[in-house]
Amino acid sequence: MQSMQADAVTPHAVVEALLRGPGAVRIQGAFSKEQVAQARSIVMAHSQDRAQTVTHFQGQAAQDQRLHLQRRVWNLLAKGSVFSEMAEHPAIVEAMRLFLGDDFIMGSIAANRILPNGPGQEPHIDYPYWDFHAPGTFPVGINTSFPLNAQVTIPLDPFTPQTGATAFVPHTQHELRYPGDGDAFFERCERMEAEPGDAIVFFGATWHCAMPNHSVQDRSAVLIQYLPKFVKPMEDLRAMVGEAFVKSASPTMRQLLGLNFPYPQNLDAVAVAKNAEGRTNATR
């Protein structure tokens, strides 16, 4: 997989890899050993006794009664400041500003923990494309010439073929399509191999999936979803984090929570007449 060092990342290089390149890039050494250890400790503590949480693309695991070997931890922002640090990483934020627009938001930040012998996922594409197996529910002509998603995976354990490093098929983001049985995904895929503290940035329209963990150790990671300002976020982060978090949030975090974008709102309840939008004399 294409890689670059954290101190050499440029927004244009990331965007080129995501939009016109293979669809994914690894930023090596994005986070310190201390940050990784702190994040991993929190994830392990919150997933130790919570085998059954909402998850995705695990239909076969559910049929095989193996969901307990794959665990999600949601609402990470409320569980430790290290996750805000990860979400606000300067190099990632600058790349997302170019890729998704200056006012991009965060749609989700969660952790995925796959235990030894834990299952892999169905090959898929990510929200808001994740149900494109039903293309009739999307607008006519939708395509990936402009992105509606970016994903960041931060390994907290080594991502190797043995532990189940994420598989992806390079360049599949160029045509918006959900992978099917005839696409030979597993014959064509490469792996997102990485070390703890790396950041794997990819366009969620690229075909990918977690692979089974055939090792004797856990394979855990923080998963961050970024979206354009106008896409409805997957997690209700603003409500989940609580008022104290919002009051102390940095300007970047306020943007990520969608607080810079005022809609939807009850326009009938606005007491003072004003020109809220437009090029001339708008209040926003």
Protein backbone atom coordinates (compact mmCIF):
# COMPACT_ATOMS: atom_id res chain seq x y z
CA MET A 1 0.00 0.00 0.00
CA GLN A 2 1.19 3.53 -0.73
CA SER A 3 2.84 5.11 2.32
CA MET A 4 4.17 8.46 3.47
CA GLN A 5 5.84 9.64 6.66
CA ALA A 6 3.77 11.75 9.04
CA ASP A 7 6.21 14.67 8.80
CA ALA A 8 6.08 14.61 4.99
CA VAL A 9 2.31 14.49 4.45
CA THR A 10 0.74 17.08 2.19
CA PRO A 11 -3.01 17.50 1.61
CA HIS A 12 -2.56 17.24 -2.15
CA ALA A 13 -0.67 13.95 -1.88
CA VAL A 14 -3.42 12.43 0.26
CA VAL A 15 -6.19 13.66 -2.05
CA GLU A 16 -4.35 12.36 -5.11
CA ALA A 17 -4.07 8.91 -3.54
CA LEU A 18 -7.73 8.84 -2.51
CA LEU A 19 -9.37 10.32 -5.58
CA ARG A 20 -7.16 9.31 -8.50
CA GLY A 21 -4.74 6.80 -7.00
CA PRO A 22 -5.40 3.43 -5.36
CA GLY A 23 -7.96 4.87 -2.92
CA ALA A 24 -5.90 4.47 0.26
CA VAL A 25 -2.67 5.74 1.80
CA ARG A 26 -0.82 4.94 5.01
CA ILE A 27 0.58 7.78 7.13
CA GLN A 28 3.38 6.20 9.12
CA GLY A 29 3.97 7.29 12.71
CA ALA A 30 0.99 9.61 12.96
CA PHE A 31 0.46 8.91 16.68
CA SER A 32 2.82 8.27 19.58
CA LYS A 33 3.23 5.04 21.54
CA GLU A 34 1.69 6.81 24.52
CA GLN A 35 -1.40 7.80 22.57
CA VAL A 36 -1.78 4.27 21.21
CA ALA A 37 -1.39 2.72 24.65
CA GLN A 38 -3.93 5.09 26.20
CA ALA A 39 -6.46 4.53 23.41
CA ARG A 40 -6.02 0.75 23.49
CA SER A 41 -6.47 0.61 27.26
CA ILE A 42 -9.78 2.48 27.01
CA VAL A 43 -11.04 0.37 24.11
CA MET A 44 -10.18 -2.87 25.89
CA ALA A 45 -11.86 -1.73 29.10
CA HIS A 46 -15.07 -0.76 27.33
CA SER A 47 -15.26 -3.91 25.21
CA GLN A 48 -14.26 -6.55 27.72
CA ASP A 49 -17.81 -7.42 28.76
CA ARG A 50 -19.75 -6.02 25.81
CA ALA A 51 -19.80 -8.73 23.20
CA GLN A 52 -23.08 -7.60 21.64
CA THR A 53 -23.12 -4.05 20.25
CA VAL A 54 -24.34 -2.60 16.97
CA THR A 55 -21.99 -3.56 14.15
CA HIS A 56 -22.01 -3.67 10.37
CA PHE A 57 -21.28 -6.05 7.48
CA GLN A 58 -21.23 -9.06 9.80
CA GLY A 59 -24.23 -10.97 8.43
CA GLN A 60 -22.35 -14.24 8.05
CA ALA A 61 -20.87 -13.94 11.55
CA ALA A 62 -24.38 -13.45 12.92
CA GLN A 63 -25.57 -16.60 11.12
CA ASP A 64 -22.55 -18.51 12.45
CA GLN A 65 -23.13 -17.16 16.00
CA ARG A 66 -19.68 -15.56 16.07
CA LEU A 67 -20.60 -11.92 16.64
CA HIS A 68 -19.16 -12.12 20.15
CA LEU A 69 -15.67 -12.33 18.64
CA GLN A 70 -16.02 -8.88 17.05
CA ARG A 71 -16.74 -5.91 19.34
CA ARG A 72 -17.46 -2.26 18.71
CA VAL A 73 -16.96 0.65 21.09
CA TRP A 74 -19.00 3.72 20.17
CA ASN A 75 -18.97 7.34 21.39
CA LEU A 76 -15.21 7.46 21.84
CA LEU A 77 -15.08 11.24 22.22
CA ALA A 78 -16.78 10.88 25.59
CA LYS A 79 -14.39 8.15 26.71
CA GLY A 80 -11.02 9.87 26.57
CA SER A 81 -9.28 13.01 25.30
CA VAL A 82 -6.87 10.91 23.24
CA PHE A 83 -9.66 10.28 20.73
CA SER A 84 -10.16 14.01 20.20
CA GLU A 85 -6.42 14.25 19.59
CA MET A 86 -6.70 11.55 16.96
CA ALA A 87 -9.72 13.14 15.27
CA GLU A 88 -7.99 16.55 15.16
CA HIS A 89 -4.60 15.40 13.87
CA PRO A 90 -3.38 18.45 11.90
CA ALA A 91 -2.17 16.59 8.80
CA ILE A 92 -5.40 14.60 8.55
CA VAL A 93 -7.57 17.67 9.13
CA GLU A 94 -5.81 19.64 6.40
CA ALA A 95 -6.16 16.76 3.96
CA MET A 96 -9.85 16.48 4.77
CA ARG A 97 -10.38 20.21 4.23
CA LEU A 98 -9.13 19.78 0.68
CA PHE A 99 -10.92 16.46 0.07
CA LEU A 100 -14.32 17.20 1.64
CA GLY A 101 -14.42 20.99 1.94
CA ASP A 102 -13.37 23.45 4.63
CA ASP A 103 -16.45 22.81 6.77
CA PHE A 104 -16.27 19.00 6.71
CA ILE A 105 -17.67 17.14 9.73
CA MET A 106 -17.10 13.89 11.56
CA GLY A 107 -19.80 11.27 11.08
CA SER A 108 -18.51 8.69 13.54
CA ILE A 109 -15.57 7.77 15.73
CA ALA A 110 -15.57 4.26 17.13
CA ALA A 111 -13.32 1.30 17.77
CA ASN A 112 -13.44 -2.15 16.27
CA ARG A 113 -11.91 -5.04 18.19
CA ILE A 114 -11.58 -8.45 16.55
CA LEU A 115 -10.64 -11.20 18.96
CA PRO A 116 -8.52 -14.24 18.03
CA ASN A 117 -10.43 -16.40 15.54
CA GLY A 118 -12.81 -13.47 15.05
CA PRO A 119 -14.66 -13.14 11.75
CA GLY A 120 -14.02 -10.91 8.78
CA GLN A 121 -16.58 -8.71 7.09
CA GLU A 122 -18.58 -8.76 3.90
CA PRO A 123 -16.74 -6.75 1.21
CA HIS A 124 -18.45 -3.38 1.16
CA ILE A 125 -18.24 0.40 0.74
CA ASP A 126 -18.79 2.86 3.57
CA TYR A 127 -21.50 5.30 4.65
CA PRO A 128 -23.23 7.07 2.99
CA TYR A 129 -22.60 4.61 0.15
CA TRP A 130 -22.91 1.51 2.35
CA ASP A 131 -26.34 0.45 1.11
CA PHE A 132 -25.54 0.98 -2.56
CA HIS A 133 -26.44 -2.68 -3.02
CA ALA A 134 -29.86 -0.99 -3.42
CA PRO A 135 -28.87 1.69 -5.97
CA GLY A 136 -32.47 2.68 -6.59
CA THR A 137 -32.51 4.41 -3.20
CA PHE A 138 -29.87 6.92 -4.41
CA PRO A 139 -30.21 9.92 -6.75
CA VAL A 140 -29.88 9.24 -10.46
CA GLY A 141 -26.36 9.89 -11.72
CA ILE A 142 -24.62 9.75 -8.34
CA ASN A 143 -20.94 9.02 -8.76
CA THR A 144 -17.58 9.36 -7.01
CA SER A 145 -16.15 12.21 -9.06
CA PHE A 146 -16.70 14.20 -5.87
CA PRO A 147 -16.33 12.42 -2.50
CA LEU A 148 -18.96 12.08 0.19
CA ASN A 149 -16.78 10.14 2.61
CA ALA A 150 -13.27 9.60 3.93
CA GLN A 151 -12.24 6.97 6.46
CA VAL A 152 -9.29 6.88 8.83
CA THR A 153 -8.22 3.63 10.48
CA ILE A 154 -5.73 3.92 13.35
CA PRO A 155 -4.36 0.49 14.32
CA LEU A 156 -3.92 -0.11 18.04
CA ASP A 157 -2.47 -3.57 17.33
CA PRO A 158 -0.34 -4.69 14.37
CA PHE A 159 -2.29 -4.96 11.12
CA THR A 160 -0.85 -8.02 9.39
CA PRO A 161 -2.32 -10.71 7.14
CA GLN A 162 -2.36 -13.01 10.17
CA THR A 163 -4.25 -10.59 12.44
CA GLY A 164 -6.76 -9.70 9.73
CA ALA A 165 -5.45 -6.47 8.24
CA THR A 166 -8.16 -4.77 6.20
CA ALA A 167 -8.37 -5.96 2.61
CA PHE A 168 -9.09 -3.57 -0.27
CA VAL A 169 -9.14 -3.61 -4.05
CA PRO A 170 -7.18 -0.61 -5.36
CA HIS A 171 -8.84 1.80 -7.78
CA THR A 172 -12.37 0.50 -7.19
CA GLN A 173 -13.41 3.95 -5.96
CA HIS A 174 -13.38 5.26 -9.53
CA GLU A 175 -16.77 3.68 -10.30
CA LEU A 176 -19.45 3.78 -7.61
CA ARG A 177 -20.56 0.18 -7.21
CA TYR A 178 -21.15 -2.24 -4.35
CA PRO A 179 -18.89 -5.31 -4.69
CA GLY A 180 -20.72 -8.42 -5.79
CA ASP A 181 -20.17 -12.17 -5.79
CA GLY A 182 -18.74 -12.08 -9.31
CA ASP A 183 -16.09 -9.45 -8.60
CA ALA A 184 -13.44 -11.85 -7.26
CA PHE A 185 -12.75 -9.50 -4.35
CA PHE A 186 -10.57 -11.91 -2.36
CA GLU A 187 -8.53 -12.88 -5.43
CA ARG A 188 -7.81 -9.23 -6.28
CA CYS A 189 -7.41 -7.60 -2.89
CA GLU A 190 -4.37 -6.16 -1.19
CA ARG A 191 -3.94 -5.60 2.55
CA MET A 192 -3.78 -2.39 4.58
CA GLU A 193 -0.80 -3.56 6.61
CA ALA A 194 0.29 -1.08 9.27
CA GLU A 195 1.83 -0.64 12.69
CA PRO A 196 0.13 0.72 15.83
CA GLY A 197 0.04 4.50 15.56
CA ASP A 198 -0.06 4.64 11.79
CA ALA A 199 -3.11 6.20 10.15
CA ILE A 200 -4.66 4.56 7.11
CA VAL A 201 -6.68 7.13 5.18
CA PHE A 202 -8.99 5.87 2.46
CA PHE A 203 -11.97 6.84 0.34
CA GLY A 204 -14.91 4.82 1.64
CA ALA A 205 -16.11 4.11 -1.91
CA THR A 206 -13.09 1.79 -2.29
CA TRP A 207 -14.09 -1.86 -1.88
CA HIS A 208 -12.77 -3.13 1.43
CA CYS A 209 -13.45 -5.34 4.45
CA ALA A 210 -11.88 -6.48 7.70
CA MET A 211 -10.40 -9.95 7.36
CA PRO A 212 -10.57 -12.85 9.85
CA ASN A 213 -8.12 -12.75 12.75
CA HIS A 214 -6.12 -15.99 12.51
CA SER A 215 -3.64 -14.94 15.20
CA VAL A 216 -3.60 -15.43 18.97
CA GLN A 217 -3.81 -11.68 19.71
CA ASP A 218 -6.52 -9.05 19.42
CA ARG A 219 -6.71 -6.80 16.38
CA SER A 220 -8.16 -3.45 17.43
CA ALA A 221 -8.36 -0.06 15.74
CA VAL A 222 -9.96 3.35 15.99
CA LEU A 223 -12.22 4.09 13.02
CA ILE A 224 -13.03 7.69 12.07
CA GLN A 225 -15.53 8.73 9.43
CA TYR A 226 -15.38 12.21 7.88
CA LEU A 227 -18.16 13.67 5.71
CA PRO A 228 -18.99 16.88 3.83
CA LYS A 229 -20.94 19.38 5.92
CA PHE A 230 -24.27 18.53 4.28
CA VAL A 231 -24.24 14.74 4.73
CA LYS A 232 -26.25 13.46 7.70
CA PRO A 233 -23.76 11.95 10.20
CA MET A 234 -23.99 8.30 11.17
CA GLU A 235 -23.55 8.87 14.92
CA ASP A 236 -25.38 11.64 16.78
CA LEU A 237 -22.09 12.86 18.19
CA ARG A 238 -23.39 16.24 19.35
CA ALA A 239 -25.96 14.59 21.60
CA MET A 240 -23.69 11.75 22.70
CA VAL A 241 -20.77 13.79 24.00
CA GLY A 242 -22.81 16.00 26.36
CA GLU A 243 -22.86 19.72 27.10
CA ALA A 244 -19.63 19.86 29.09
CA PHE A 245 -17.67 18.43 26.16
CA VAL A 246 -19.26 20.87 23.71
CA LYS A 247 -18.52 23.89 25.92
CA SER A 248 -14.83 23.03 26.12
CA ALA A 249 -14.44 21.87 22.52
CA SER A 250 -11.78 23.44 20.31
CA PRO A 251 -12.83 25.32 17.15
CA THR A 252 -11.84 22.31 15.07
CA MET A 253 -13.86 19.93 17.24
CA ARG A 254 -16.89 22.22 17.08
CA GLN A 255 -16.64 22.05 13.31
CA LEU A 256 -16.33 18.25 13.43
CA LEU A 257 -19.48 18.08 15.56
CA GLY A 258 -21.35 20.02 12.88
CA LEU A 259 -21.88 23.11 15.01
CA ASN A 260 -20.73 25.43 12.23
CA PHE A 261 -23.55 24.29 9.96
CA PRO A 262 -26.91 25.53 11.31
CA TYR A 263 -29.28 23.22 9.45
CA PRO A 264 -31.77 21.66 9.91
CA GLN A 265 -33.52 24.27 12.03
CA ASN A 266 -37.03 25.47 12.73
CA LEU A 267 -37.06 28.56 10.51
CA ASP A 268 -40.62 29.35 11.57
CA ALA A 269 -39.40 29.93 15.12
CA VAL A 270 -36.75 32.53 14.25
CA ALA A 271 -38.03 35.68 15.97
CA VAL A 272 -35.92 38.32 14.21
CA ALA A 273 -36.23 38.73 10.44
CA LYS A 274 -32.83 38.48 8.77
CA ASN A 275 -31.13 37.44 5.58
CA ALA A 276 -29.46 34.20 6.64
CA GLU A 277 -28.01 33.07 3.29
CA GLY A 278 -26.75 34.54 0.05
CA ARG A 279 -23.68 36.34 -1.21
CA THR A 280 -24.90 39.77 -0.10
CA ASN A 281 -25.52 40.74 3.55
CA ALA A 282 -25.98 37.17 4.79
CA THR A 283 -25.64 36.55 8.51
CA ARG A 284 -23.67 33.32 8.00
